[in-house]
């Protein structure tokens, strides 16, 4: 028998200000707006709009950059990484409205628009919500310590969205439709002060949308588990739990970053609502970047994968058994 969820979806509903620019309260403040999409024609897109004020040799250096990549149906990556002067960027403190140079990301539930062009690579896309937005009450901020305050914020504006518009590759416009995702993070200190590592990803079935994050806090904040499984049925949230775990598996070395990762990654869910496993079998390592400020091979970095996933779950007793190709990431910062 399928039970009705006991969670109140409205308690976790995103507000426009949650996806806005947050105050740069410290010299180590950072934030980014992330979007990705997979399209019916086999293309996919990943972009991250990043702002930070970073200390360098005793001075405060503004950091404004857009990571933008398009993958064709054969997996070939075409990417750019334009940087911008701080006085040529702006971000609203009341809603998602970010400008960097001539590029613009703007929206509020249920629609977000992205307009980007660097040389002959870009996009003009609309993301329309298929689920509610999500943030943990009251404002999506998770504290890792107090006195001093160390925190990171996470607002998932679009766990699942219908995406329409066009990609621009080598100056050619390619009409696309597909499914996408958009979230926003911010924090007040360097990531190694917050996390040791984390896995992140999401997966879809006909009726359900799942977003997960599985990690551990830094040594500074006690090496504590920091995990989330967030589940939606149709439009509404049905579960938010920390009862998701990574099962041990054989490790493979990525020589570029020096990070060891699992080519077969098994996530196990044991919440009252969501139970079962998702087994990721890595097919392609599509991104491997050393952590900023570290040497290549130093054992710290960012990895993004395309994996063939075997999904075997029960949600309120309702079976979900399927296979899918999924994008997910692993970040090792300590």
C-alpha atoms as a PDB file:
ATOM      1  CA  UNK A   1       0.000   0.000   0.000  1.00  0.00           C
ATOM      2  CA  UNK A   2       1.384   3.432  -0.961  1.00  0.00           C
ATOM      3  CA  UNK A   3       1.215   5.835   1.971  1.00  0.00           C
ATOM      4  CA  UNK A   4       0.798   9.584   1.808  1.00  0.00           C
ATOM      5  CA  UNK A   5       3.881  11.585   2.789  1.00  0.00           C
ATOM      6  CA  UNK A   6       3.842  13.110   6.274  1.00  0.00           C
ATOM      7  CA  UNK A   7       6.203  15.940   5.282  1.00  0.00           C
ATOM      8  CA  UNK A   8       4.809  19.443   4.729  1.00  0.00           C
ATOM      9  CA  UNK A   9       6.163  20.561   1.330  1.00  0.00           C
ATOM     10  CA  UNK A  10       5.379  24.232   1.994  1.00  0.00           C
ATOM     11  CA  UNK A  11       7.826  24.322   4.924  1.00  0.00           C
ATOM     12  CA  UNK A  12      10.698  23.743   2.469  1.00  0.00           C
ATOM     13  CA  UNK A  13       9.398  25.932  -0.373  1.00  0.00           C
ATOM     14  CA  UNK A  14      11.983  28.251  -1.906  1.00  0.00           C
ATOM     15  CA  UNK A  15      11.545  32.021  -1.734  1.00  0.00           C
ATOM     16  CA  UNK A  16      12.933  34.378  -4.375  1.00  0.00           C
ATOM     17  CA  UNK A  17      15.455  35.850  -1.912  1.00  0.00           C
ATOM     18  CA  UNK A  18      16.920  32.374  -1.243  1.00  0.00           C
ATOM     19  CA  UNK A  19      18.248  32.292  -4.833  1.00  0.00           C
ATOM     20  CA  UNK A  20      19.532  35.878  -4.683  1.00  0.00           C
ATOM     21  CA  UNK A  21      23.021  37.173  -3.939  1.00  0.00           C
ATOM     22  CA  UNK A  22      23.825  37.008  -0.230  1.00  0.00           C
ATOM     23  CA  UNK A  23      25.790  39.653   1.639  1.00  0.00           C
ATOM     24  CA  UNK A  24      29.564  39.318   1.328  1.00  0.00           C
ATOM     25  CA  UNK A  25      29.912  39.166   5.118  1.00  0.00           C
ATOM     26  CA  UNK A  26      33.585  38.120   5.244  1.00  0.00           C
ATOM     27  CA  UNK A  27      36.742  38.316   3.151  1.00  0.00           C
ATOM     28  CA  UNK A  28      36.242  34.627   2.256  1.00  0.00           C
ATOM     29  CA  UNK A  29      32.651  34.808   1.005  1.00  0.00           C
ATOM     30  CA  UNK A  30      31.766  32.841  -2.126  1.00  0.00           C
ATOM     31  CA  UNK A  31      28.695  31.945  -4.107  1.00  0.00           C
ATOM     32  CA  UNK A  32      27.764  30.284  -7.344  1.00  0.00           C
ATOM     33  CA  UNK A  33      24.674  29.655  -9.444  1.00  0.00           C
ATOM     34  CA  UNK A  34      24.715  26.263 -11.193  1.00  0.00           C
ATOM     35  CA  UNK A  35      22.613  24.916 -14.091  1.00  0.00           C
ATOM     36  CA  UNK A  36      22.754  21.784 -16.192  1.00  0.00           C
ATOM     37  CA  UNK A  37      20.557  20.167 -18.813  1.00  0.00           C
ATOM     38  CA  UNK A  38      20.360  17.025 -20.932  1.00  0.00           C
ATOM     39  CA  UNK A  39      18.646  17.337 -24.296  1.00  0.00           C
ATOM     40  CA  UNK A  40      16.597  15.022 -26.479  1.00  0.00           C
ATOM     41  CA  UNK A  41      19.150  15.311 -29.330  1.00  0.00           C
ATOM     42  CA  UNK A  42      21.987  13.918 -27.171  1.00  0.00           C
ATOM     43  CA  UNK A  43      23.629  17.244 -26.291  1.00  0.00           C
ATOM     44  CA  UNK A  44      24.111  18.362 -22.685  1.00  0.00           C
ATOM     45  CA  UNK A  45      25.169  21.554 -20.922  1.00  0.00           C
ATOM     46  CA  UNK A  46      26.800  22.482 -17.604  1.00  0.00           C
ATOM     47  CA  UNK A  47      27.415  26.035 -16.386  1.00  0.00           C
ATOM     48  CA  UNK A  48      28.413  27.683 -13.106  1.00  0.00           C
ATOM     49  CA  UNK A  49      28.385  31.447 -12.482  1.00  0.00           C
ATOM     50  CA  UNK A  50      30.825  32.157  -9.644  1.00  0.00           C
ATOM     51  CA  UNK A  51      31.548  35.165  -7.436  1.00  0.00           C
ATOM     52  CA  UNK A  52      34.034  35.429  -4.578  1.00  0.00           C
ATOM     53  CA  UNK A  53      36.452  37.790  -2.876  1.00  0.00           C
ATOM     54  CA  UNK A  54      39.682  35.844  -2.351  1.00  0.00           C
ATOM     55  CA  UNK A  55      42.759  36.707  -0.281  1.00  0.00           C
ATOM     56  CA  UNK A  56      45.999  36.641  -2.299  1.00  0.00           C
ATOM     57  CA  UNK A  57      49.350  37.788  -0.924  1.00  0.00           C
ATOM     58  CA  UNK A  58      47.602  39.855   1.724  1.00  0.00           C
ATOM     59  CA  UNK A  59      45.268  41.616  -0.716  1.00  0.00           C
ATOM     60  CA  UNK A  60      41.586  41.033  -1.432  1.00  0.00           C
ATOM     61  CA  UNK A  61      41.095  39.915  -5.053  1.00  0.00           C
ATOM     62  CA  UNK A  62      37.640  39.882  -6.663  1.00  0.00           C
ATOM     63  CA  UNK A  63      36.902  36.623  -8.510  1.00  0.00           C
ATOM     64  CA  UNK A  64      34.166  36.622 -11.153  1.00  0.00           C
ATOM     65  CA  UNK A  65      34.006  33.762 -13.658  1.00  0.00           C
ATOM     66  CA  UNK A  66      31.556  31.695 -15.711  1.00  0.00           C
ATOM     67  CA  UNK A  67      32.312  28.036 -16.358  1.00  0.00           C
ATOM     68  CA  UNK A  68      30.414  26.941 -19.458  1.00  0.00           C
ATOM     69  CA  UNK A  69      30.580  23.591 -21.268  1.00  0.00           C
ATOM     70  CA  UNK A  70      28.551  21.831 -23.948  1.00  0.00           C
ATOM     71  CA  UNK A  71      28.923  18.096 -24.640  1.00  0.00           C
ATOM     72  CA  UNK A  72      27.876  16.739 -28.038  1.00  0.00           C
ATOM     73  CA  UNK A  73      26.166  13.321 -28.453  1.00  0.00           C
ATOM     74  CA  UNK A  74      29.599  11.613 -28.720  1.00  0.00           C
ATOM     75  CA  UNK A  75      30.761  13.194 -25.450  1.00  0.00           C
ATOM     76  CA  UNK A  76      33.090  15.767 -27.024  1.00  0.00           C
ATOM     77  CA  UNK A  77      33.405  18.790 -24.766  1.00  0.00           C
ATOM     78  CA  UNK A  78      33.488  22.393 -25.984  1.00  0.00           C
ATOM     79  CA  UNK A  79      34.028  24.886 -23.181  1.00  0.00           C
ATOM     80  CA  UNK A  80      35.043  28.405 -22.203  1.00  0.00           C
ATOM     81  CA  UNK A  81      36.004  30.016 -18.890  1.00  0.00           C
ATOM     82  CA  UNK A  82      35.603  33.784 -19.233  1.00  0.00           C
ATOM     83  CA  UNK A  83      36.565  36.030 -16.323  1.00  0.00           C
ATOM     84  CA  UNK A  84      35.120  39.460 -15.598  1.00  0.00           C
ATOM     85  CA  UNK A  85      36.014  42.578 -13.648  1.00  0.00           C
ATOM     86  CA  UNK A  86      33.939  43.096 -10.527  1.00  0.00           C
ATOM     87  CA  UNK A  87      32.631  46.445 -11.791  1.00  0.00           C
ATOM     88  CA  UNK A  88      31.257  44.673 -14.893  1.00  0.00           C
ATOM     89  CA  UNK A  89      29.150  42.268 -12.792  1.00  0.00           C
ATOM     90  CA  UNK A  90      26.051  42.603 -10.669  1.00  0.00           C
ATOM     91  CA  UNK A  91      23.717  40.352  -8.690  1.00  0.00           C
ATOM     92  CA  UNK A  92      20.401  41.245  -7.086  1.00  0.00           C
ATOM     93  CA  UNK A  93      19.953  40.725  -3.331  1.00  0.00           C
ATOM     94  CA  UNK A  94      16.205  40.103  -3.727  1.00  0.00           C
ATOM     95  CA  UNK A  95      16.008  37.492  -6.502  1.00  0.00           C
ATOM     96  CA  UNK A  96      18.090  35.508  -8.985  1.00  0.00           C
ATOM     97  CA  UNK A  97      19.254  38.253 -11.333  1.00  0.00           C
ATOM     98  CA  UNK A  98      22.939  37.915 -12.229  1.00  0.00           C
ATOM     99  CA  UNK A  99      24.847  39.814 -14.912  1.00  0.00           C
ATOM    100  CA  UNK A 100      28.455  39.186 -15.943  1.00  0.00           C
ATOM    101  CA  UNK A 101      29.555  41.222 -18.918  1.00  0.00           C
ATOM    102  CA  UNK A 102      26.840  40.768 -21.554  1.00  0.00           C
ATOM    103  CA  UNK A 103      25.639  37.508 -20.014  1.00  0.00           C
ATOM    104  CA  UNK A 104      22.484  37.262 -17.947  1.00  0.00           C
ATOM    105  CA  UNK A 105      20.856  34.693 -15.645  1.00  0.00           C
ATOM    106  CA  UNK A 106      17.478  35.705 -14.264  1.00  0.00           C
ATOM    107  CA  UNK A 107      14.359  34.096 -12.851  1.00  0.00           C
ATOM    108  CA  UNK A 108      11.921  33.200 -10.125  1.00  0.00           C
ATOM    109  CA  UNK A 109       9.531  30.289  -9.741  1.00  0.00           C
ATOM    110  CA  UNK A 110       8.469  28.849 -12.133  1.00  0.00           C
ATOM    111  CA  UNK A 111      10.771  30.183 -14.897  1.00  0.00           C
ATOM    112  CA  UNK A 112      14.458  31.024 -15.223  1.00  0.00           C
ATOM    113  CA  UNK A 113      16.215  32.313 -18.352  1.00  0.00           C
ATOM    114  CA  UNK A 114      19.886  32.103 -19.239  1.00  0.00           C
ATOM    115  CA  UNK A 115      21.498  34.104 -22.033  1.00  0.00           C
ATOM    116  CA  UNK A 116      25.214  33.442 -22.541  1.00  0.00           C
ATOM    117  CA  UNK A 117      27.658  34.000 -25.406  1.00  0.00           C
ATOM    118  CA  UNK A 118      31.456  33.892 -25.398  1.00  0.00           C
ATOM    119  CA  UNK A 119      32.949  33.929 -28.893  1.00  0.00           C
ATOM    120  CA  UNK A 120      31.000  31.360 -30.895  1.00  0.00           C
ATOM    121  CA  UNK A 121      29.823  29.273 -27.903  1.00  0.00           C
ATOM    122  CA  UNK A 122      26.685  29.959 -25.906  1.00  0.00           C
ATOM    123  CA  UNK A 123      23.016  29.364 -25.265  1.00  0.00           C
ATOM    124  CA  UNK A 124      19.653  31.041 -24.910  1.00  0.00           C
ATOM    125  CA  UNK A 125      17.461  28.802 -22.756  1.00  0.00           C
ATOM    126  CA  UNK A 126      14.374  28.844 -20.547  1.00  0.00           C
ATOM    127  CA  UNK A 127      14.057  26.517 -17.530  1.00  0.00           C
ATOM    128  CA  UNK A 128      10.465  25.931 -16.330  1.00  0.00           C
ATOM    129  CA  UNK A 129       9.865  24.158 -12.996  1.00  0.00           C
ATOM    130  CA  UNK A 130       8.373  20.670 -12.989  1.00  0.00           C
ATOM    131  CA  UNK A 131       8.764  20.455  -9.186  1.00  0.00           C
ATOM    132  CA  UNK A 132       8.652  22.954  -6.364  1.00  0.00           C
ATOM    133  CA  UNK A 133      11.856  24.670  -5.307  1.00  0.00           C
ATOM    134  CA  UNK A 134      13.584  23.558  -2.092  1.00  0.00           C
ATOM    135  CA  UNK A 135      15.577  24.966   0.791  1.00  0.00           C
ATOM    136  CA  UNK A 136      15.837  23.858   4.397  1.00  0.00           C
ATOM    137  CA  UNK A 137      14.084  26.194   6.875  1.00  0.00           C
ATOM    138  CA  UNK A 138      14.482  28.970   7.613  1.00  0.00           C
ATOM    139  CA  UNK A 139      16.853  30.190   4.878  1.00  0.00           C
ATOM    140  CA  UNK A 140      18.761  27.191   3.501  1.00  0.00           C
ATOM    141  CA  UNK A 141      21.905  27.808   5.577  1.00  0.00           C
ATOM    142  CA  UNK A 142      23.735  24.896   7.229  1.00  0.00           C
ATOM    143  CA  UNK A 143      26.112  25.838  10.076  1.00  0.00           C
ATOM    144  CA  UNK A 144      29.251  23.755  10.581  1.00  0.00           C
ATOM    145  CA  UNK A 145      30.406  25.666  13.665  1.00  0.00           C
ATOM    146  CA  UNK A 146      29.578  28.671  15.837  1.00  0.00           C
ATOM    147  CA  UNK A 147      32.029  31.175  17.303  1.00  0.00           C
ATOM    148  CA  UNK A 148      33.325  31.426  14.693  1.00  0.00           C
ATOM    149  CA  UNK A 149      30.386  30.931  12.352  1.00  0.00           C
ATOM    150  CA  UNK A 150      31.200  28.629   9.456  1.00  0.00           C
ATOM    151  CA  UNK A 151      28.366  27.903   7.067  1.00  0.00           C
ATOM    152  CA  UNK A 152      27.275  27.016   3.567  1.00  0.00           C
ATOM    153  CA  UNK A 153      23.900  27.715   1.970  1.00  0.00           C
ATOM    154  CA  UNK A 154      22.095  25.512  -0.560  1.00  0.00           C
ATOM    155  CA  UNK A 155      18.959  26.536  -2.426  1.00  0.00           C
ATOM    156  CA  UNK A 156      17.620  24.149  -5.081  1.00  0.00           C
ATOM    157  CA  UNK A 157      15.510  26.454  -7.199  1.00  0.00           C
ATOM    158  CA  UNK A 158      14.749  23.824  -9.846  1.00  0.00           C
ATOM    159  CA  UNK A 159      15.209  20.174  -8.879  1.00  0.00           C
ATOM    160  CA  UNK A 160      13.628  19.284 -12.228  1.00  0.00           C
ATOM    161  CA  UNK A 161      12.815  21.669 -15.060  1.00  0.00           C
ATOM    162  CA  UNK A 162      11.658  21.558 -18.658  1.00  0.00           C
ATOM    163  CA  UNK A 163      14.306  23.263 -20.796  1.00  0.00           C
ATOM    164  CA  UNK A 164      13.708  24.822 -24.218  1.00  0.00           C
ATOM    165  CA  UNK A 165      15.654  27.154 -26.469  1.00  0.00           C
ATOM    166  CA  UNK A 166      18.910  26.929 -28.395  1.00  0.00           C
ATOM    167  CA  UNK A 167      22.583  26.092 -27.992  1.00  0.00           C
ATOM    168  CA  UNK A 168      25.257  27.910 -29.980  1.00  0.00           C
ATOM    169  CA  UNK A 169      28.243  25.770 -30.990  1.00  0.00           C
ATOM    170  CA  UNK A 170      30.873  27.054 -33.438  1.00  0.00           C
ATOM    171  CA  UNK A 171      28.425  29.841 -34.232  1.00  0.00           C
ATOM    172  CA  UNK A 172      25.710  27.376 -35.263  1.00  0.00           C
ATOM    173  CA  UNK A 173      22.328  27.565 -33.517  1.00  0.00           C
ATOM    174  CA  UNK A 174      20.957  24.194 -32.394  1.00  0.00           C
ATOM    175  CA  UNK A 175      17.297  24.090 -31.210  1.00  0.00           C
ATOM    176  CA  UNK A 176      16.919  21.927 -28.087  1.00  0.00           C
ATOM    177  CA  UNK A 177      14.382  20.582 -25.613  1.00  0.00           C
ATOM    178  CA  UNK A 178      15.199  18.575 -22.516  1.00  0.00           C
ATOM    179  CA  UNK A 179      15.331  18.328 -18.738  1.00  0.00           C
ATOM    180  CA  UNK A 180      17.425  20.514 -16.453  1.00  0.00           C
ATOM    181  CA  UNK A 181      18.417  21.483 -12.922  1.00  0.00           C
ATOM    182  CA  UNK A 182      19.375  24.726 -11.154  1.00  0.00           C
ATOM    183  CA  UNK A 183      20.739  25.352  -7.664  1.00  0.00           C
ATOM    184  CA  UNK A 184      22.650  28.019  -5.769  1.00  0.00           C
ATOM    185  CA  UNK A 185      25.363  27.818  -3.083  1.00  0.00           C
ATOM    186  CA  UNK A 186      27.015  30.396  -0.863  1.00  0.00           C
ATOM    187  CA  UNK A 187      29.351  30.363   2.123  1.00  0.00           C
ATOM    188  CA  UNK A 188      31.555  32.500   4.358  1.00  0.00           C
ATOM    189  CA  UNK A 189      34.899  30.677   4.487  1.00  0.00           C
ATOM    190  CA  UNK A 190      37.147  28.442   2.339  1.00  0.00           C
ATOM    191  CA  UNK A 191      35.646  25.078   1.390  1.00  0.00           C
ATOM    192  CA  UNK A 192      38.435  23.077   3.147  1.00  0.00           C
ATOM    193  CA  UNK A 193      37.226  24.691   6.408  1.00  0.00           C
ATOM    194  CA  UNK A 194      33.766  23.201   5.764  1.00  0.00           C
ATOM    195  CA  UNK A 195      34.116  19.870   3.953  1.00  0.00           C
ATOM    196  CA  UNK A 196      36.529  17.000   3.625  1.00  0.00           C
ATOM    197  CA  UNK A 197      34.644  15.602   0.604  1.00  0.00           C
ATOM    198  CA  UNK A 198      31.209  15.186  -0.899  1.00  0.00           C
ATOM    199  CA  UNK A 199      29.325  13.347  -3.611  1.00  0.00           C
ATOM    200  CA  UNK A 200      26.465  15.097  -5.380  1.00  0.00           C
ATOM    201  CA  UNK A 201      23.972  14.049  -8.035  1.00  0.00           C
ATOM    202  CA  UNK A 202      20.352  13.548  -8.948  1.00  0.00           C
ATOM    203  CA  UNK A 203      18.226  10.989 -10.723  1.00  0.00           C
ATOM    204  CA  UNK A 204      14.767  10.814 -12.194  1.00  0.00           C
ATOM    205  CA  UNK A 205      12.044   8.270 -12.755  1.00  0.00           C
ATOM    206  CA  UNK A 206       8.663   8.744 -14.413  1.00  0.00           C
ATOM    207  CA  UNK A 207       7.025  10.086 -11.249  1.00  0.00           C
ATOM    208  CA  UNK A 208       9.955  10.905  -8.944  1.00  0.00           C
ATOM    209  CA  UNK A 209      12.866  13.341  -8.702  1.00  0.00           C
ATOM    210  CA  UNK A 210      15.745  12.705  -6.286  1.00  0.00           C
ATOM    211  CA  UNK A 211      18.652  14.994  -5.346  1.00  0.00           C
ATOM    212  CA  UNK A 212      21.430  13.750  -3.081  1.00  0.00           C
ATOM    213  CA  UNK A 213      24.542  15.012  -1.331  1.00  0.00           C
ATOM    214  CA  UNK A 214      26.742  12.640   0.694  1.00  0.00           C
ATOM    215  CA  UNK A 215      29.840  13.911   2.450  1.00  0.00           C
ATOM    216  CA  UNK A 216      31.863  14.604   5.556  1.00  0.00           C
ATOM    217  CA  UNK A 217      32.726  17.853   7.275  1.00  0.00           C
ATOM    218  CA  UNK A 218      36.318  19.037   7.592  1.00  0.00           C
ATOM    219  CA  UNK A 219      38.734  18.156  10.364  1.00  0.00           C
ATOM    220  CA  UNK A 220      38.251  21.721  11.634  1.00  0.00           C
ATOM    221  CA  UNK A 221      34.532  21.017  12.150  1.00  0.00           C
ATOM    222  CA  UNK A 222      34.854  17.477  13.478  1.00  0.00           C
ATOM    223  CA  UNK A 223      34.788  15.100  10.455  1.00  0.00           C
ATOM    224  CA  UNK A 224      31.028  14.601  10.865  1.00  0.00           C
ATOM    225  CA  UNK A 225      28.657  13.077   8.268  1.00  0.00           C
ATOM    226  CA  UNK A 226      26.862  15.753   6.232  1.00  0.00           C
ATOM    227  CA  UNK A 227      24.364  14.113   3.894  1.00  0.00           C
ATOM    228  CA  UNK A 228      20.944  14.687   2.323  1.00  0.00           C
ATOM    229  CA  UNK A 229      18.458  12.735   0.234  1.00  0.00           C
ATOM    230  CA  UNK A 230      15.676  14.954  -1.113  1.00  0.00           C
ATOM    231  CA  UNK A 231      12.749  13.318  -2.946  1.00  0.00           C
ATOM    232  CA  UNK A 232       9.837  14.733  -4.904  1.00  0.00           C
ATOM    233  CA  UNK A 233       6.782  12.953  -6.280  1.00  0.00           C
ATOM    234  CA  UNK A 234       5.395  14.945  -9.149  1.00  0.00           C
ATOM    235  CA  UNK A 235       5.590  18.581  -8.106  1.00  0.00           C
ATOM    236  CA  UNK A 236       5.785  18.168  -4.325  1.00  0.00           C
ATOM    237  CA  UNK A 237       8.484  17.282  -1.809  1.00  0.00           C
ATOM    238  CA  UNK A 238       7.865  13.908  -0.104  1.00  0.00           C
ATOM    239  CA  UNK A 239      11.116  13.349   1.816  1.00  0.00           C
ATOM    240  CA  UNK A 240      14.158  15.133   3.218  1.00  0.00           C
ATOM    241  CA  UNK A 241      16.509  12.923   5.245  1.00  0.00           C
ATOM    242  CA  UNK A 242      20.171  12.495   6.168  1.00  0.00           C
ATOM    243  CA  UNK A 243      19.949   8.691   6.040  1.00  0.00           C
ATOM    244  CA  UNK A 244      21.950   8.114   2.875  1.00  0.00           C
ATOM    245  CA  UNK A 245      25.346   6.382   2.869  1.00  0.00           C
ATOM    246  CA  UNK A 246      28.234   5.446   0.548  1.00  0.00           C
ATOM    247  CA  UNK A 247      29.178   1.762   0.621  1.00  0.00           C
ATOM    248  CA  UNK A 248      32.913   0.989   0.444  1.00  0.00           C
ATOM    249  CA  UNK A 249      34.256  -0.032  -2.952  1.00  0.00           C
ATOM    250  CA  UNK A 250      37.471  -0.468  -4.935  1.00  0.00           C
ATOM    251  CA  UNK A 251      39.290   2.802  -5.643  1.00  0.00           C
ATOM    252  CA  UNK A 252      40.779   4.104  -8.902  1.00  0.00           C
ATOM    253  CA  UNK A 253      43.389   6.875  -9.092  1.00  0.00           C
ATOM    254  CA  UNK A 254      42.803   9.924 -11.262  1.00  0.00           C
ATOM    255  CA  UNK A 255      46.368  10.987 -12.064  1.00  0.00           C
ATOM    256  CA  UNK A 256      45.462  14.573 -12.998  1.00  0.00           C
ATOM    257  CA  UNK A 257      44.066  15.450  -9.567  1.00  0.00           C
ATOM    258  CA  UNK A 258      45.593  12.638  -7.514  1.00  0.00           C
ATOM    259  CA  UNK A 259      42.104  11.850  -6.190  1.00  0.00           C
ATOM    260  CA  UNK A 260      41.069   8.233  -5.619  1.00  0.00           C
ATOM    261  CA  UNK A 261      37.461   7.544  -6.630  1.00  0.00           C
ATOM    262  CA  UNK A 262      35.090   4.581  -6.892  1.00  0.00           C
ATOM    263  CA  UNK A 263      34.381   3.413 -10.431  1.00  0.00           C
ATOM    264  CA  UNK A 264      31.430   1.555  -8.928  1.00  0.00           C
ATOM    265  CA  UNK A 265      29.734   3.868  -6.447  1.00  0.00           C
ATOM    266  CA  UNK A 266      26.876   2.436  -4.376  1.00  0.00           C
ATOM    267  CA  UNK A 267      24.582   4.816  -2.497  1.00  0.00           C
ATOM    268  CA  UNK A 268      22.348   3.231   0.124  1.00  0.00           C
ATOM    269  CA  UNK A 269      19.183   4.942   1.394  1.00  0.00           C
ATOM    270  CA  UNK A 270      17.596   3.969   4.698  1.00  0.00           C
ATOM    271  CA  UNK A 271      15.150   6.767   5.505  1.00  0.00           C
ATOM    272  CA  UNK A 272      11.593   6.003   6.676  1.00  0.00           C
ATOM    273  CA  UNK A 273      10.324   6.982   3.215  1.00  0.00           C
ATOM    274  CA  UNK A 274      13.125   6.110   0.755  1.00  0.00           C
ATOM    275  CA  UNK A 275      14.901   2.747   0.954  1.00  0.00           C
ATOM    276  CA  UNK A 276      17.205   0.954  -1.464  1.00  0.00           C
ATOM    277  CA  UNK A 277      20.333   1.486  -3.554  1.00  0.00           C
ATOM    278  CA  UNK A 278      21.622   3.389  -6.540  1.00  0.00           C
ATOM    279  CA  UNK A 279      24.672   1.815  -8.156  1.00  0.00           C
ATOM    280  CA  UNK A 280      26.753   4.155 -10.352  1.00  0.00           C
ATOM    281  CA  UNK A 281      29.019   2.424 -12.879  1.00  0.00           C
ATOM    282  CA  UNK A 282      31.337   5.119 -14.217  1.00  0.00           C
ATOM    283  CA  UNK A 283      31.486   5.183 -18.020  1.00  0.00           C
ATOM    284  CA  UNK A 284      33.309   8.458 -18.545  1.00  0.00           C
ATOM    285  CA  UNK A 285      35.257  10.886 -16.385  1.00  0.00           C
ATOM    286  CA  UNK A 286      34.187  14.117 -18.082  1.00  0.00           C
ATOM    287  CA  UNK A 287      35.845  16.651 -15.751  1.00  0.00           C
ATOM    288  CA  UNK A 288      38.910  16.442 -13.487  1.00  0.00           C
ATOM    289  CA  UNK A 289      40.249  19.707 -12.123  1.00  0.00           C
ATOM    290  CA  UNK A 290      42.775  20.072  -9.265  1.00  0.00           C
ATOM    291  CA  UNK A 291      41.555  22.154  -6.354  1.00  0.00           C
ATOM    292  CA  UNK A 292      42.503  25.835  -6.851  1.00  0.00           C
ATOM    293  CA  UNK A 293      45.821  26.581  -5.216  1.00  0.00           C
ATOM    294  CA  UNK A 294      47.006  22.956  -5.248  1.00  0.00           C
ATOM    295  CA  UNK A 295      49.418  21.190  -7.557  1.00  0.00           C
ATOM    296  CA  UNK A 296      48.188  18.644 -10.126  1.00  0.00           C
ATOM    297  CA  UNK A 297      48.255  15.193  -8.589  1.00  0.00           C
ATOM    298  CA  UNK A 298      48.031  16.608  -5.078  1.00  0.00           C
ATOM    299  CA  UNK A 299      45.032  14.505  -4.075  1.00  0.00           C
ATOM    300  CA  UNK A 300      42.479  17.317  -3.998  1.00  0.00           C
ATOM    301  CA  UNK A 301      40.100  18.267  -6.769  1.00  0.00           C
ATOM    302  CA  UNK A 302      36.771  18.181  -8.553  1.00  0.00           C
ATOM    303  CA  UNK A 303      35.617  15.187 -10.611  1.00  0.00           C
ATOM    304  CA  UNK A 304      32.471  14.941 -12.753  1.00  0.00           C
ATOM    305  CA  UNK A 305      31.270  11.611 -14.123  1.00  0.00           C
ATOM    306  CA  UNK A 306      28.791  10.166 -16.587  1.00  0.00           C
ATOM    307  CA  UNK A 307      27.614   6.837 -15.196  1.00  0.00           C
ATOM    308  CA  UNK A 308      25.285   4.000 -16.082  1.00  0.00           C
ATOM    309  CA  UNK A 309      23.119   3.712 -12.966  1.00  0.00           C
ATOM    310  CA  UNK A 310      21.075   0.811 -11.634  1.00  0.00           C
ATOM    311  CA  UNK A 311      18.293   2.239  -9.441  1.00  0.00           C
ATOM    312  CA  UNK A 312      16.453  -0.033  -7.019  1.00  0.00           C
ATOM    313  CA  UNK A 313      14.344   1.918  -4.547  1.00  0.00           C
ATOM    314  CA  UNK A 314      11.105   1.889  -2.619  1.00  0.00           C
ATOM    315  CA  UNK A 315       9.346   5.160  -1.812  1.00  0.00           C
ATOM    316  CA  UNK A 316       6.560   4.629   0.734  1.00  0.00           C
ATOM    317  CA  UNK A 317       6.656   1.008  -0.407  1.00  0.00           C
ATOM    318  CA  UNK A 318       6.268   1.877  -4.110  1.00  0.00           C
ATOM    319  CA  UNK A 319       8.963   0.106  -6.155  1.00  0.00           C
ATOM    320  CA  UNK A 320      11.204   2.053  -8.519  1.00  0.00           C
ATOM    321  CA  UNK A 321      13.452  -0.163 -10.647  1.00  0.00           C
ATOM    322  CA  UNK A 322      15.154   1.389 -13.644  1.00  0.00           C
ATOM    323  CA  UNK A 323      18.479   2.138 -15.371  1.00  0.00           C
ATOM    324  CA  UNK A 324      19.656   5.571 -16.472  1.00  0.00           C
ATOM    325  CA  UNK A 325      22.737   7.511 -17.586  1.00  0.00           C
ATOM    326  CA  UNK A 326      23.431  10.149 -14.926  1.00  0.00           C
ATOM    327  CA  UNK A 327      25.849  13.020 -14.316  1.00  0.00           C
ATOM    328  CA  UNK A 328      27.281  13.177 -10.792  1.00  0.00           C
ATOM    329  CA  UNK A 329      30.295  14.690  -9.052  1.00  0.00           C
ATOM    330  CA  UNK A 330      32.890  14.006  -6.378  1.00  0.00           C
ATOM    331  CA  UNK A 331      34.815  16.782  -4.661  1.00  0.00           C
ATOM    332  CA  UNK A 332      37.818  16.083  -2.417  1.00  0.00           C
ATOM    333  CA  UNK A 333      39.091  19.170  -0.654  1.00  0.00           C
ATOM    334  CA  UNK A 334      40.993  17.674   2.306  1.00  0.00           C
END
